[in-house]
Protein backbone atom coordinates (compact mmCIF):
# COMPACT_ATOMS: atom_id res chain seq x y z
CA UNK A 1 0.00 0.00 0.00
CA UNK A 2 1.34 3.43 -0.97
CA UNK A 3 2.12 5.59 2.04
CA UNK A 4 0.59 9.02 2.52
CA UNK A 5 3.99 10.67 2.30
CA UNK A 6 4.54 9.21 -1.16
CA UNK A 7 1.22 10.61 -2.36
CA UNK A 8 1.58 14.08 -0.84
CA UNK A 9 5.28 14.83 -1.17
CA UNK A 10 5.22 15.93 -4.86
CA UNK A 11 2.34 18.37 -4.16
CA UNK A 12 4.11 19.68 -1.05
CA UNK A 13 7.35 20.29 -2.96
CA UNK A 14 5.42 22.15 -5.64
CA UNK A 15 3.49 24.20 -3.04
CA UNK A 16 6.70 25.11 -1.21
CA UNK A 17 8.30 26.31 -4.44
CA UNK A 18 5.29 28.53 -5.15
CA UNK A 19 4.63 29.82 -1.61
CA UNK A 20 6.63 28.51 1.39
CA UNK A 21 4.13 29.98 3.87
CA UNK A 22 1.28 27.86 2.48
CA UNK A 23 2.86 24.51 3.34
CA UNK A 24 1.86 24.63 6.99
CA UNK A 25 -1.81 24.64 5.96
CA UNK A 26 -1.35 21.35 4.09
CA UNK A 27 -0.18 19.72 7.33
CA UNK A 28 -2.98 21.02 9.57
CA UNK A 29 -5.22 17.94 9.45
CA UNK A 30 -2.44 15.34 9.40
CA UNK A 31 -1.24 13.32 12.37
CA UNK A 32 2.24 14.22 13.62
CA UNK A 33 3.52 10.77 12.58
CA UNK A 34 2.35 11.35 8.99
CA UNK A 35 3.98 14.78 8.88
CA UNK A 36 7.18 13.26 10.27
CA UNK A 37 7.12 10.63 7.53
CA UNK A 38 6.80 13.36 4.89
CA UNK A 39 9.66 15.37 6.42
CA UNK A 40 11.89 12.27 6.55
CA UNK A 41 11.20 11.46 2.88
CA UNK A 42 11.68 15.03 1.69
CA UNK A 43 14.99 16.06 0.02
CA UNK A 44 17.67 17.04 2.52
CA UNK A 45 17.52 20.75 1.62
CA UNK A 46 13.70 20.85 1.87
CA UNK A 47 13.14 18.86 5.10
CA UNK A 48 14.28 21.52 7.63
CA UNK A 49 12.23 24.18 5.85
CA UNK A 50 9.12 21.99 6.07
CA UNK A 51 9.68 21.62 9.80
CA UNK A 52 10.25 25.35 10.22
CA UNK A 53 6.97 26.10 8.41
CA UNK A 54 5.02 24.62 11.33
CA UNK A 55 4.10 26.31 14.58
CA UNK A 56 6.86 25.57 17.16
CA UNK A 57 4.61 23.33 19.30
CA UNK A 58 3.45 21.37 16.27
CA UNK A 59 7.01 21.16 14.96
CA UNK A 60 8.15 19.75 18.32
CA UNK A 61 5.50 16.99 18.12
CA UNK A 62 6.66 16.12 14.61
CA UNK A 63 10.34 16.18 15.54
CA UNK A 64 9.75 13.68 18.35
CA UNK A 65 8.30 11.23 15.78
CA UNK A 66 11.42 11.30 13.58
CA UNK A 67 14.25 8.75 13.82
CA UNK A 68 16.96 9.95 16.27
CA UNK A 69 19.78 10.16 13.71
CA UNK A 70 17.54 12.20 11.39
CA UNK A 71 16.51 14.49 14.25
CA UNK A 72 20.12 15.55 14.83
CA UNK A 73 20.71 16.23 11.14
CA UNK A 74 17.46 18.22 10.81
CA UNK A 75 18.11 20.43 13.81
CA UNK A 76 21.65 21.19 12.69
CA UNK A 77 20.32 22.17 9.25
CA UNK A 78 17.71 24.40 10.90
CA UNK A 79 20.38 26.33 12.76
CA UNK A 80 20.33 27.52 16.36
CA UNK A 81 17.94 30.46 15.94
CA UNK A 82 15.17 28.39 14.34
CA UNK A 83 15.83 25.18 16.26
CA UNK A 84 15.65 26.72 19.74
CA UNK A 85 12.02 27.78 19.22
CA UNK A 86 11.09 24.15 18.51
CA UNK A 87 13.24 22.61 21.24
CA UNK A 88 11.68 24.92 23.85
CA UNK A 89 8.28 23.33 23.11
CA UNK A 90 9.40 19.74 23.74
CA UNK A 91 8.63 17.92 26.99
CA UNK A 92 11.49 18.36 29.46
CA UNK A 93 12.61 14.71 29.35
CA UNK A 94 12.45 14.47 25.55
CA UNK A 95 14.29 17.79 25.24
CA UNK A 96 17.09 16.63 27.53
CA UNK A 97 17.44 13.30 25.68
CA UNK A 98 17.58 15.13 22.37
CA UNK A 99 20.17 17.70 23.45
CA UNK A 100 22.34 14.87 24.82
CA UNK A 101 22.50 13.36 21.31
CA UNK A 102 23.66 16.57 19.63
CA UNK A 103 27.34 17.34 18.92
CA UNK A 104 28.81 19.13 21.93
CA UNK A 105 29.46 22.51 20.27
CA UNK A 106 26.02 22.71 18.70
CA UNK A 107 24.35 21.60 21.94
CA UNK A 108 26.16 24.31 23.89
CA UNK A 109 25.13 26.95 21.35
CA UNK A 110 21.54 25.76 21.55
CA UNK A 111 21.55 25.81 25.37
CA UNK A 112 23.01 29.32 25.36
CA UNK A 113 20.12 30.50 23.17
CA UNK A 114 17.48 29.01 25.50
CA UNK A 115 15.64 30.74 28.28
CA UNK A 116 17.90 30.47 31.38
CA UNK A 117 15.27 28.50 33.29
CA UNK A 118 14.88 26.00 30.44
CA UNK A 119 18.65 25.77 30.07
CA UNK A 120 19.07 24.96 33.76
CA UNK A 121 16.34 22.34 33.49
CA UNK A 122 18.08 20.60 30.58
CA UNK A 123 21.45 20.66 32.30
CA UNK A 124 19.92 19.19 35.47
CA UNK A 125 18.54 16.25 33.48
CA UNK A 126 21.46 15.46 31.17
CA UNK A 127 23.79 15.00 34.14
CA UNK A 128 22.12 11.71 35.08
CA UNK A 129 23.80 8.58 33.68
CA UNK A 130 22.10 6.71 30.86
CA UNK A 131 19.58 4.01 31.92
CA UNK A 132 18.92 5.67 35.30
CA UNK A 133 15.55 7.03 36.38
CA UNK A 134 16.96 10.56 36.30
CA UNK A 135 17.77 10.20 32.60
CA UNK A 136 14.13 9.45 31.67
CA UNK A 137 12.20 11.58 34.16
CA UNK A 138 10.30 14.75 33.32
CA UNK A 139 10.45 17.85 35.53
CA UNK A 140 7.01 19.04 34.37
CA UNK A 141 5.10 17.78 37.42
CA UNK A 142 1.94 19.38 38.78
CA UNK A 143 2.44 20.31 42.44
CA UNK A 144 0.29 22.18 44.98
CA UNK A 145 0.97 23.34 48.55
CA UNK A 146 -0.51 21.20 51.30
CA UNK A 147 -2.45 24.21 52.64
CA UNK A 148 -4.69 24.51 49.56
CA UNK A 149 -8.37 23.58 49.39
CA UNK A 150 -9.75 21.24 46.74
CA UNK A 151 -11.28 24.19 44.88
CA UNK A 152 -7.95 26.02 44.80
CA UNK A 153 -6.20 22.89 43.52
CA UNK A 154 -8.74 22.50 40.70
CA UNK A 155 -8.22 26.13 39.74
CA UNK A 156 -4.44 25.57 39.70
CA UNK A 157 -4.90 22.53 37.45
CA UNK A 158 -6.87 24.72 35.03
CA UNK A 159 -4.21 27.43 35.13
CA UNK A 160 -0.95 25.47 34.77
CA UNK A 161 -2.11 21.97 33.80
CA UNK A 162 -1.37 22.60 30.12
CA UNK A 163 2.35 22.68 30.91
CA UNK A 164 2.38 19.56 33.10
CA UNK A 165 3.44 16.11 31.94
CA UNK A 166 0.20 14.68 33.37
CA UNK A 167 -2.79 16.14 35.25
CA UNK A 168 -4.21 12.80 36.36
CA UNK A 169 -2.11 12.99 39.53
CA UNK A 170 -1.55 16.17 41.54
CA UNK A 171 1.38 16.00 43.96
CA UNK A 172 1.06 17.71 47.31
CA UNK A 173 4.22 19.30 48.72
CA UNK A 174 5.19 21.06 51.93
CA UNK A 175 8.05 23.42 52.68
CA UNK A 176 10.77 23.21 50.05
CA UNK A 177 8.96 20.83 47.68
CA UNK A 178 8.95 17.91 50.12
CA UNK A 179 6.48 15.34 48.80
CA UNK A 180 3.78 14.61 51.39
CA UNK A 181 0.92 13.19 49.35
CA UNK A 182 -0.81 12.65 46.03
CA UNK A 183 -4.40 13.11 44.92
CA UNK A 184 -6.03 11.93 41.71
CA UNK A 185 -7.98 14.21 39.39
CA UNK A 186 -11.00 11.96 39.92
CA UNK A 187 -10.96 12.53 43.69
CA UNK A 188 -10.60 16.28 43.21
CA UNK A 189 -13.62 16.49 40.96
CA UNK A 190 -15.81 14.37 43.24
CA UNK A 191 -14.92 16.15 46.52
CA UNK A 192 -16.34 19.30 48.06
CA UNK A 193 -14.35 22.33 46.74
CA UNK A 194 -14.10 23.74 50.29
CA UNK A 195 -12.49 20.60 51.67
CA UNK A 196 -8.75 20.70 52.43
CA UNK A 197 -6.64 18.77 49.95
CA UNK A 198 -4.67 17.37 52.90
CA UNK A 199 -7.77 15.51 54.04
CA UNK A 200 -8.27 13.61 50.78
CA UNK A 201 -4.69 13.01 49.62
CA UNK A 202 -3.00 9.62 49.81
CA UNK A 203 0.04 9.87 52.05
CA UNK A 204 1.58 6.51 51.09
CA UNK A 205 3.16 7.75 47.86
CA UNK A 206 5.16 5.24 45.86
CA UNK A 207 8.36 6.93 44.69
CA UNK A 208 11.85 6.24 43.41
CA UNK A 209 15.28 7.89 43.48
CA UNK A 210 16.91 9.38 40.36
CA UNK A 211 19.93 7.05 40.64
CA UNK A 212 17.81 3.89 40.42
CA UNK A 213 17.81 1.78 37.26
CA UNK A 214 15.05 2.69 34.82
CA UNK A 215 13.86 -0.93 34.81
CA UNK A 216 13.03 -0.58 38.51
CA UNK A 217 10.74 2.37 37.72
CA UNK A 218 9.02 0.32 35.01
CA UNK A 219 8.51 -2.54 37.46
CA UNK A 220 6.98 -0.25 40.11
CA UNK A 221 4.60 1.41 37.64
CA UNK A 222 3.50 -1.98 36.34
CA UNK A 223 3.17 -3.53 39.80
CA UNK A 224 1.13 -0.71 41.33
CA UNK A 225 -0.77 0.09 38.09
CA UNK A 226 0.35 3.74 38.11
CA UNK A 227 0.15 6.40 35.42
CA UNK A 228 3.17 8.23 36.82
CA UNK A 229 5.83 7.63 39.46
CA UNK A 230 7.34 10.57 41.39
CA UNK A 231 11.13 10.87 41.55
CA UNK A 232 12.50 12.19 44.86
CA UNK A 233 15.91 12.94 46.35
CA UNK A 234 17.25 11.80 49.72
CA UNK A 235 15.28 14.54 51.50
CA UNK A 236 12.10 13.37 49.73
CA UNK A 237 11.95 16.54 47.64
CA UNK A 238 10.07 16.07 44.38
CA UNK A 239 12.45 16.20 41.40
CA UNK A 240 10.19 14.99 38.62
CA UNK A 241 8.06 12.16 37.24
CA UNK A 242 8.44 9.00 35.26
CA UNK A 243 5.24 8.55 33.25
CA UNK A 244 3.68 5.54 31.59
CA UNK A 245 4.83 6.64 28.12
CA UNK A 246 8.41 6.75 29.42
CA UNK A 247 7.96 3.23 30.80
CA UNK A 248 6.75 1.92 27.44
CA UNK A 249 9.93 3.24 25.86
CA UNK A 250 12.03 1.72 28.66
CA UNK A 251 10.35 -1.68 28.32
CA UNK A 252 10.85 -1.64 24.54
CA UNK A 253 14.49 -0.62 24.94
CA UNK A 254 15.23 -3.27 27.59
CA UNK A 255 13.37 -5.99 25.68
CA UNK A 256 15.31 -5.13 22.52
CA UNK A 257 18.59 -5.20 24.44
CA UNK A 258 17.77 -8.59 25.99
CA UNK A 259 16.71 -9.98 22.62
CA UNK A 260 19.99 -8.89 21.05
CA UNK A 261 22.06 -10.31 23.91
CA UNK A 262 20.18 -13.61 23.82
CA UNK A 263 21.03 -13.86 20.12
CA UNK A 264 24.71 -13.13 20.86
CA UNK A 265 24.59 -9.60 19.41
CA UNK A 266 25.82 -6.53 21.26
CA UNK A 267 22.77 -4.21 21.65
CA UNK A 268 22.30 -1.69 18.83
CA UNK A 269 22.02 1.99 19.73
CA UNK A 270 19.83 2.90 16.76
CA UNK A 271 17.22 1.43 14.42
CA UNK A 272 18.11 -1.23 11.84
CA UNK A 273 18.48 1.21 8.93
CA UNK A 274 19.90 3.87 11.22
CA UNK A 275 22.83 1.58 12.06
CA UNK A 276 25.86 1.68 9.78
CA UNK A 277 27.27 -1.38 8.01
CA UNK A 278 30.50 -1.55 10.00
CA UNK A 279 28.61 -0.99 13.23
CA UNK A 280 26.67 -4.18 12.48
CA UNK A 281 29.93 -6.02 11.89
CA UNK A 282 31.54 -4.79 15.12
CA UNK A 283 28.40 -5.53 17.14
CA UNK A 284 28.14 -9.10 15.90
CA UNK A 285 31.74 -10.16 15.35
CA UNK A 286 32.95 -10.39 18.99
CA UNK A 287 30.33 -12.93 20.04
CA UNK A 288 30.72 -14.91 16.82
CA UNK A 289 34.49 -15.05 17.33
CA UNK A 290 34.03 -16.08 20.97
CA UNK A 291 31.57 -18.81 19.99
CA UNK A 292 33.85 -19.94 17.16
CA UNK A 293 36.80 -20.20 19.52
CA UNK A 294 34.61 -22.06 21.98
CA UNK A 295 33.60 -24.39 19.16
CA UNK A 296 37.23 -25.42 18.86
CA UNK A 297 36.91 -27.12 22.24
CA UNK A 298 33.99 -29.09 20.85
CA UNK A 299 36.04 -30.08 17.82
CA UNK A 300 38.98 -31.04 20.03
CA UNK A 301 36.71 -33.15 22.21
CA UNK A 302 35.97 -35.32 19.18
CA UNK A 303 39.66 -36.18 18.88
CA UNK A 304 39.73 -37.49 22.45
CA UNK A 305 37.48 -40.35 21.38
CA UNK A 306 39.06 -41.51 18.11
CA UNK A 307 39.32 -45.04 19.51
CA UNK A 308 35.58 -45.10 20.22
CA UNK A 309 34.50 -43.76 16.80
CA UNK A 310 36.80 -46.23 15.00
CA UNK A 311 35.31 -49.10 16.99
CA UNK A 312 31.66 -48.09 16.47
CA UNK A 313 31.17 -45.83 13.45
CA UNK A 314 27.40 -45.79 13.98
CA UNK A 315 27.92 -43.46 16.94
CA UNK A 316 28.60 -40.55 14.55
CA UNK A 317 25.17 -41.03 12.95
CA UNK A 318 23.40 -40.12 16.18
CA UNK A 319 25.77 -37.36 17.34
CA UNK A 320 23.69 -34.51 15.81
CA UNK A 321 20.64 -35.77 17.77
CA UNK A 322 22.58 -35.59 21.03
CA UNK A 323 24.04 -32.13 20.37
CA UNK A 324 20.82 -30.54 19.16
CA UNK A 325 18.72 -32.01 21.97
CA UNK A 326 21.00 -30.67 24.70
CA UNK A 327 21.43 -27.27 23.10
CA UNK A 328 17.73 -26.83 22.39
CA UNK A 329 16.70 -27.79 25.93
CA UNK A 330 19.24 -25.33 27.35
CA UNK A 331 18.04 -22.54 25.08
CA UNK A 332 14.43 -23.15 26.11
CA UNK A 333 15.23 -22.95 29.81
CA UNK A 334 17.42 -19.88 29.37
CA UNK A 335 14.70 -17.99 27.49
CA UNK A 336 12.06 -18.87 30.10
CA UNK A 337 14.21 -17.93 33.11
CA UNK A 338 15.63 -14.72 31.59
CA UNK A 339 12.09 -13.55 30.91
CA UNK A 340 10.93 -14.57 34.40
CA UNK A 341 13.84 -12.64 35.97
CA UNK A 342 13.06 -9.59 33.83
CA UNK A 343 9.41 -9.36 34.91
CA UNK A 344 10.03 -10.29 38.54
CA UNK A 345 8.40 -13.74 38.49
CA UNK A 346 11.69 -15.28 39.68
CA UNK A 347 14.40 -13.80 41.90
CA UNK A 348 17.55 -15.04 43.62
CA UNK A 349 15.61 -16.49 46.54
CA UNK A 350 13.99 -18.98 44.13
CA UNK A 351 17.29 -20.50 42.96
CA UNK A 352 16.90 -23.84 44.78
CA UNK A 353 13.26 -24.17 43.76
CA UNK A 354 14.15 -23.46 40.12
CA UNK A 355 17.00 -26.00 40.26
CA UNK A 356 14.83 -28.89 41.48
CA UNK A 357 12.02 -27.97 39.11
CA UNK A 358 14.33 -27.88 36.09
CA UNK A 359 16.00 -31.17 37.06
CA UNK A 360 12.56 -32.80 37.08
CA UNK A 361 11.55 -31.18 33.79
CA UNK A 362 14.88 -32.13 32.21
CA UNK A 363 14.52 -35.78 33.28
CA UNK A 364 11.01 -36.06 31.85
CA UNK A 365 11.98 -34.38 28.57
CA UNK A 366 15.14 -36.50 28.37
CA UNK A 367 13.16 -39.72 28.86
CA UNK A 368 10.70 -38.71 26.13
CA UNK A 369 13.53 -38.05 23.67
CA UNK A 370 15.34 -41.22 24.77
CA UNK A 371 12.29 -43.32 23.91
CA UNK A 372 12.18 -41.79 20.44
CA UNK A 373 15.95 -42.31 20.11
CA UNK A 374 15.65 -45.99 21.08
CA UNK A 375 13.03 -46.53 18.43
CA UNK A 376 15.26 -44.84 15.86
CA UNK A 377 18.25 -47.08 16.77
CA UNK A 378 16.25 -50.31 16.54
CA UNK A 379 14.79 -49.26 13.18
CA UNK A 380 18.32 -48.90 11.78
CA UNK A 381 20.29 -51.54 13.65
CA UNK A 382 19.55 -54.16 16.29
CA UNK A 383 22.23 -52.99 18.72
CA UNK A 384 21.10 -52.95 22.36
CA UNK A 385 24.30 -51.37 23.69
CA UNK A 386 24.17 -48.55 21.12
CA UNK A 387 20.53 -47.96 22.00
CA UNK A 388 21.34 -47.90 25.70
CA UNK A 389 24.24 -45.47 25.11
CA UNK A 390 22.05 -43.08 23.10
CA UNK A 391 19.14 -43.31 25.55
CA UNK A 392 21.18 -42.65 28.69
CA UNK A 393 23.10 -39.85 26.94
CA UNK A 394 19.89 -38.11 25.85
CA UNK A 395 18.51 -38.21 29.39
CA UNK A 396 21.77 -36.86 30.81
CA UNK A 397 22.36 -34.18 28.16
CA UNK A 398 18.79 -32.85 28.11
CA UNK A 399 18.73 -32.68 31.91
CA UNK A 400 22.13 -31.01 31.96
CA UNK A 401 21.12 -28.51 29.27
CA UNK A 402 17.88 -27.69 31.05
CA UNK A 403 19.65 -27.09 34.38
CA UNK A 404 22.49 -25.03 32.86
CA UNK A 405 20.06 -22.95 30.82
CA UNK A 406 18.04 -22.15 33.94
CA UNK A 407 20.81 -21.64 36.49
CA UNK A 408 23.35 -19.65 34.47
CA UNK A 409 21.08 -16.57 34.16
CA UNK A 410 20.38 -16.74 37.91
CA UNK A 411 24.11 -16.95 38.62
CA UNK A 412 24.75 -13.89 36.45
CA UNK A 413 21.96 -12.03 38.23
CA UNK A 414 23.63 -12.92 41.54
CA UNK A 415 26.92 -11.50 40.24
CA UNK A 416 25.19 -8.26 39.25
CA UNK A 417 25.41 -8.92 35.49
CA UNK A 418 22.65 -8.89 32.89
CA UNK A 419 21.16 -12.43 32.74
CA UNK A 420 20.63 -12.02 29.01
CA UNK A 421 24.41 -12.19 28.58
CA UNK A 422 23.99 -15.95 29.06
CA UNK A 423 22.84 -15.98 25.46
CA UNK A 424 21.24 -19.06 23.99
CA UNK A 425 24.14 -19.59 21.52
CA UNK A 426 26.59 -19.57 24.43
CA UNK A 427 24.56 -22.11 26.41
CA UNK A 428 24.08 -24.25 23.30
CA UNK A 429 27.84 -24.30 22.67
CA UNK A 430 28.58 -25.25 26.27
CA UNK A 431 26.01 -28.04 26.26
CA UNK A 432 27.34 -29.28 22.91
CA UNK A 433 30.76 -29.82 24.48
CA UNK A 434 29.33 -31.55 27.55
CA UNK A 435 27.05 -33.64 25.34
CA UNK A 436 29.96 -34.95 23.26
CA UNK A 437 31.98 -35.81 26.36
CA UNK A 438 29.00 -37.60 27.96
CA UNK A 439 28.05 -39.47 24.77
CA UNK A 440 31.47 -40.84 23.95
CA UNK A 441 32.40 -41.53 27.57
CA UNK A 442 29.31 -43.74 27.90
CA UNK A 443 30.10 -45.35 24.55
CA UNK A 444 33.62 -46.16 25.70
CA UNK A 445 32.15 -47.74 28.85
CA UNK A 446 29.33 -49.72 27.19
CA UNK A 447 30.58 -50.54 23.70
CA UNK A 448 34.28 -51.32 24.15
């Protein structure tokens, strides 16, 4: 299906050539995502002018929908004087993230052109390390003094709510912005306007520190079914909010990172087409080299059992079954446990329970595959010892793969590392080696 941008772009280019001021009218009824698509597909010299033809607030919405690497190029083409009007209209957290991606000299020039209050806000946010709560929080929270009445709070929401990140929660503060409570917009509307806000606010406010990992904020918002989570310092002063839209981005980012790690790829920092060719090579090569080197141990293990393979050549026929069964069972367990750790279904206190459960699962799965393996051996050759070797090996290897796949992510979590680093290719390679050793050791015992 032809995209809207493909249909409209020729007319927009023609309209811009005739009258640049008329282009904004063509965008009025379009969604910001559609306008962003048109801007991205426009020629490089036209794109910044299309963005500049919009009202600053509208242009900010469109800019946030554009791929990060294109955003930087667009803003640099706009120049400081035009770009600062658009950047000022962005949400505080999005603005800080964007400025952090700009080249240092251009970012400093842009900050210098900002309103001093906005500049200080950006600098206060960009100082937080990547992946922390502080790096994703917004400072546009809606706060009211604890002394206000419900009616006064509602009036404040009407007055300044347009600038807030969310109006569904109003945060009640005392003294120097110390967080003492929260009240929902629903409760405000339903209560008597003369009632004191202190009497209806919830005092047990779930909060988080700016140094905490962003995944922890996502977990809290999900667990307590929140729309926003306040961020406070050691003195419980309100610094900002992490909202549900921020959490969606965090979850997507963390899930993408885990998926890449589980596939033995260093996480990408940009989209697929936004990532350069050599970046792909450098992100994928280290793990492939490590796995290749590890595979040499598997190849060497084969040479340890030359006497066994010469004595019973039929063993080689069933080797792929052994290797694939162990590796696949390990990969299954690793995927299940990594996901369970990520969403909080399993933690370090469950290690023993997980171990015994996976041993039992591994034994049952191994027995099922062993039965199939026995049937396969007897269909090809009437060799009881070969069948027994294959059957026992399958039970041992599948159980071993299942246990390793489950326990290695937990061990990494205990060491403070990302469990996804125990990627399925790594576990499969490890189980391959152990499978070969187990298979041929049993063969040496039973067949020679």
